[in-house]
Amino acid sequence: MIKRTVYCSDAIQWLESQTILEDCSFVASLPDISEFPTYSLVEWKNWFTQTASLILSRCPDEGVAIFYQSDIKVDGLWVDKGFLCQKAAEALGYNLLWHKIICRSPAGTATFGRPSYSHMLCFSKKLKADVSKSTPDVIPDLGDKTWERGMGLEACLIAAKFIAQETKTKTLINPFCGEGSMLAAAEQFNLKSIGIERSPKRAEKARRLILLMNEKKWELAKNDD
């Protein structure tokens, strides 16, 4: 039976209490600087890189760590979160398997505080991508979201499918899991999942969120059982 576990806990404290998590892969979307009102940009960048390194350090060699991140613009400066993820990965000896761009707005749209696309980067120490199974590098629509800071549905499905079909790992771990979109998507590919979320309200939603599929699209619904 597929099993989902959601811990209402601080994700960093939870990760620090773990060793390498065998048979697991990670999907993470790290919090933005807007959630750290007392941090300077430099302090938040250091926090981001250290947290990405912590996640990577708990990933087994045969697993993958996938990061879904949207860049930001702060005081006229562009902050490239994809670069920060790669900086952490390179320092720990992880290789980049693929890098996808997921459109948050139609191509040609001007945006201001946040760019019109998100990064999705996949890292591993030992696994190599099978080029014969290449998938699109640019995803034109991120799909439905359950909340503003959540991952788009298409991104969730891409990550879960890759872990299920291209790795031997059977459990997906999602630190900072929010309302649980990634956990619900994992179940569509028969993956066990573990989510960590500090907010009790979001953690409860993450335990109950499911994906319903009809002929036209994916939908998010709550399980009242």
Protein backbone atom coordinates (compact mmCIF):
# COMPACT_ATOMS: atom_id res chain seq x y z
CA MET A 1 0.00 0.00 0.00
CA ILE A 2 1.26 3.48 -0.85
CA LYS A 3 2.06 5.42 2.29
CA ARG A 4 2.30 9.16 2.86
CA THR A 5 3.75 10.60 6.08
CA VAL A 6 3.70 14.28 6.93
CA TYR A 7 5.69 15.63 9.88
CA CYS A 8 4.67 18.98 11.33
CA SER A 9 8.22 20.05 12.08
CA ASP A 10 11.00 22.40 11.07
CA ALA A 11 12.48 20.90 7.92
CA ILE A 12 16.07 21.83 8.76
CA GLN A 13 15.87 20.33 12.25
CA TRP A 14 14.31 17.18 10.79
CA LEU A 15 17.03 16.83 8.16
CA GLU A 16 19.80 17.48 10.67
CA SER A 17 18.48 14.61 12.79
CA GLN A 18 18.82 12.19 9.86
CA THR A 19 21.71 10.38 8.25
CA ILE A 20 21.74 9.47 4.54
CA LEU A 21 18.21 8.30 3.75
CA GLU A 22 18.59 5.11 1.75
CA ASP A 23 16.10 4.27 -1.00
CA CYS A 24 14.96 7.91 -1.08
CA SER A 25 15.04 10.82 -3.51
CA PHE A 26 14.30 14.44 -2.71
CA VAL A 27 12.18 17.18 -4.23
CA ALA A 28 12.52 20.60 -2.63
CA SER A 29 11.38 24.16 -3.15
CA LEU A 30 13.26 26.29 -0.65
CA PRO A 31 11.62 29.33 0.97
CA ASP A 32 12.13 32.76 -0.55
CA ILE A 33 13.81 35.74 1.09
CA SER A 34 10.34 37.23 1.67
CA GLU A 35 9.89 34.64 4.43
CA PHE A 36 12.99 35.93 6.25
CA PRO A 37 12.17 39.57 7.04
CA THR A 38 15.21 40.02 9.32
CA TYR A 39 17.75 38.60 6.83
CA SER A 40 19.87 40.63 4.49
CA LEU A 41 20.22 39.34 0.93
CA VAL A 42 23.67 37.96 1.74
CA GLU A 43 22.39 36.20 4.87
CA TRP A 44 19.52 34.63 2.96
CA LYS A 45 21.82 33.47 0.14
CA ASN A 46 24.04 31.78 2.71
CA TRP A 47 21.00 30.17 4.34
CA PHE A 48 19.74 28.97 0.94
CA THR A 49 23.05 27.42 -0.09
CA GLN A 50 23.57 25.75 3.29
CA THR A 51 20.04 24.31 3.23
CA ALA A 52 20.45 23.00 -0.32
CA SER A 53 23.71 21.38 0.82
CA LEU A 54 21.93 19.79 3.79
CA ILE A 55 19.30 18.26 1.51
CA LEU A 56 21.93 16.95 -0.90
CA SER A 57 23.94 15.47 1.96
CA ARG A 58 21.00 13.28 2.99
CA CYS A 59 20.44 11.93 -0.53
CA PRO A 60 21.89 8.46 -1.30
CA ASP A 61 24.28 8.10 -4.23
CA GLU A 62 21.69 6.24 -6.33
CA GLY A 63 18.98 8.81 -5.62
CA VAL A 64 18.32 12.28 -7.01
CA ALA A 65 17.66 15.68 -5.51
CA ILE A 66 15.35 17.88 -7.57
CA PHE A 67 15.01 21.58 -6.81
CA TYR A 68 12.10 23.70 -8.04
CA GLN A 69 12.96 27.38 -7.61
CA SER A 70 11.86 30.76 -8.97
CA ASP A 71 14.40 33.56 -9.25
CA ILE A 72 13.75 36.93 -7.62
CA LYS A 73 14.63 40.56 -8.29
CA VAL A 74 15.81 42.50 -5.23
CA ASP A 75 16.77 46.19 -5.31
CA GLY A 76 17.57 46.06 -9.00
CA LEU A 77 19.58 42.83 -8.68
CA TRP A 78 18.70 39.45 -10.20
CA VAL A 79 19.06 36.55 -7.75
CA ASP A 80 19.58 33.28 -9.65
CA LYS A 81 18.43 30.44 -7.40
CA GLY A 82 19.43 27.89 -10.02
CA PHE A 83 23.01 29.07 -9.63
CA LEU A 84 22.78 28.78 -5.84
CA CYS A 85 21.56 25.18 -6.17
CA GLN A 86 24.39 24.32 -8.56
CA LYS A 87 26.91 25.99 -6.26
CA ALA A 88 25.83 23.74 -3.39
CA ALA A 89 25.73 20.63 -5.57
CA GLU A 90 29.17 21.16 -7.11
CA ALA A 91 30.77 21.59 -3.69
CA LEU A 92 29.45 18.17 -2.62
CA GLY A 93 30.34 16.33 -5.83
CA TYR A 94 26.84 16.13 -7.31
CA ASN A 95 26.28 16.21 -11.05
CA LEU A 96 23.51 18.05 -12.88
CA LEU A 97 21.38 15.53 -14.82
CA TRP A 98 18.93 18.00 -16.32
CA HIS A 99 17.73 21.58 -16.05
CA LYS A 100 14.20 22.47 -17.12
CA ILE A 101 12.55 25.86 -17.46
CA ILE A 102 8.89 26.00 -16.47
CA CYS A 103 6.91 29.01 -17.69
CA ARG A 104 4.94 30.84 -15.02
CA SER A 105 3.60 33.31 -17.59
CA PRO A 106 3.31 33.08 -21.39
CA ALA A 107 6.52 33.69 -23.32
CA GLY A 108 6.92 37.38 -24.16
CA THR A 109 5.24 38.54 -20.93
CA ALA A 110 7.06 41.25 -18.94
CA THR A 111 7.17 40.63 -15.18
CA PHE A 112 8.56 42.69 -12.33
CA GLY A 113 9.21 41.25 -8.84
CA ARG A 114 9.66 37.70 -10.06
CA PRO A 115 10.70 36.31 -13.47
CA SER A 116 8.17 34.61 -15.72
CA TYR A 117 9.72 31.16 -15.31
CA SER A 118 10.95 28.73 -12.67
CA HIS A 119 13.96 26.42 -12.66
CA MET A 120 13.78 22.68 -12.13
CA LEU A 121 17.20 21.11 -11.61
CA CYS A 122 17.98 17.44 -10.97
CA PHE A 123 21.22 16.35 -9.28
CA SER A 124 22.77 12.98 -8.46
CA LYS A 125 26.15 11.59 -7.45
CA LYS A 126 26.09 8.34 -9.41
CA LEU A 127 23.00 8.30 -11.60
CA LYS A 128 23.31 9.52 -15.18
CA ALA A 129 20.44 10.64 -17.37
CA ASP A 130 19.48 8.34 -20.25
CA VAL A 131 19.65 10.68 -23.26
CA SER A 132 17.43 8.32 -25.25
CA LYS A 133 14.63 9.19 -22.81
CA SER A 134 14.97 12.96 -23.06
CA THR A 135 11.88 15.03 -22.26
CA PRO A 136 11.12 18.70 -23.07
CA ASP A 137 13.48 21.24 -21.54
CA VAL A 138 10.92 24.06 -21.60
CA ILE A 139 7.51 23.41 -20.05
CA PRO A 140 5.01 26.02 -21.35
CA ASP A 141 2.53 25.82 -18.45
CA LEU A 142 3.29 25.07 -14.81
CA GLY A 143 -0.26 23.79 -14.22
CA ASP A 144 -2.60 24.25 -11.28
CA LYS A 145 -1.32 25.24 -7.85
CA THR A 146 -3.06 24.80 -4.50
CA TRP A 147 -1.57 28.05 -3.15
CA GLU A 148 0.62 30.91 -4.32
CA ARG A 149 3.90 29.43 -3.07
CA GLY A 150 3.12 25.89 -4.18
CA MET A 151 4.73 23.93 -6.99
CA GLY A 152 2.84 23.81 -10.24
CA LEU A 153 1.15 20.52 -11.00
CA GLU A 154 3.18 19.88 -14.16
CA ALA A 155 6.41 20.30 -12.20
CA CYS A 156 5.19 17.85 -9.56
CA LEU A 157 4.36 15.23 -12.17
CA ILE A 158 7.69 15.64 -13.97
CA ALA A 159 9.62 15.16 -10.73
CA ALA A 160 7.58 12.20 -9.49
CA LYS A 161 7.66 10.42 -12.86
CA PHE A 162 11.42 10.77 -13.20
CA ILE A 163 12.06 9.42 -9.70
CA ALA A 164 9.66 6.51 -10.22
CA GLN A 165 10.86 5.52 -13.67
CA GLU A 166 14.54 6.50 -13.79
CA THR A 167 15.79 5.74 -10.26
CA LYS A 168 15.62 2.70 -8.00
CA THR A 169 14.44 4.77 -5.05
CA LYS A 170 10.91 4.13 -3.78
CA THR A 171 10.34 7.03 -1.39
CA LEU A 172 10.10 10.73 -2.25
CA ILE A 173 11.01 13.20 0.49
CA ASN A 174 9.70 16.74 0.23
CA PRO A 175 11.10 19.20 2.80
CA PHE A 176 9.07 22.43 3.05
CA CYS A 177 6.16 20.46 1.55
CA GLY A 178 3.54 23.20 1.89
CA GLU A 179 0.07 21.89 1.14
CA GLY A 180 1.32 18.59 -0.24
CA SER A 181 1.05 18.83 -4.02
CA MET A 182 4.33 16.95 -4.49
CA LEU A 183 3.23 14.22 -2.10
CA ALA A 184 -0.07 13.75 -3.89
CA ALA A 185 1.69 13.57 -7.26
CA ALA A 186 4.09 10.94 -5.93
CA GLU A 187 1.21 8.60 -5.23
CA GLN A 188 0.22 8.61 -8.89
CA PHE A 189 3.51 6.82 -9.57
CA ASN A 190 3.30 4.38 -6.65
CA LEU A 191 5.92 6.18 -4.61
CA LYS A 192 5.88 6.43 -0.84
CA SER A 193 6.34 9.98 0.35
CA ILE A 194 7.48 11.96 3.37
CA GLY A 195 6.68 15.64 3.76
CA ILE A 196 7.97 18.08 6.36
CA GLU A 197 6.03 21.28 6.99
CA ARG A 198 6.29 23.69 9.91
CA SER A 199 2.79 25.18 9.59
CA PRO A 200 0.17 22.95 11.31
CA LYS A 201 -2.53 24.18 8.94
CA ARG A 202 -0.53 23.38 5.81
CA ALA A 203 0.69 20.09 7.25
CA GLU A 204 -2.89 18.98 7.77
CA LYS A 205 -3.78 19.89 4.20
CA ALA A 206 -0.71 17.99 3.01
CA ARG A 207 -1.98 14.85 4.74
CA ARG A 208 -5.35 15.07 3.00
CA LEU A 209 -4.58 16.42 -0.46
CA ILE A 210 -5.15 14.04 -3.39
CA LEU A 211 -4.98 14.24 -7.15
CA LEU A 212 -8.04 13.46 -9.23
CA MET A 213 -7.54 12.77 -12.91
CA ASN A 214 -10.23 13.11 -15.55
CA GLU A 215 -10.01 13.21 -19.28
CA LYS A 216 -9.00 16.86 -19.47
CA LYS A 217 -6.65 17.77 -16.63
CA TRP A 218 -5.38 17.08 -13.18
CA GLU A 219 -7.35 18.46 -10.31
CA LEU A 220 -6.58 18.95 -6.65
CA ALA A 221 -9.15 17.78 -4.14
CA LYS A 222 -9.35 17.16 -0.43
CA ASN A 223 -9.88 13.71 1.01
CA ASP A 224 -12.48 13.91 3.76
CA ASP A 225 -12.07 10.29 4.85
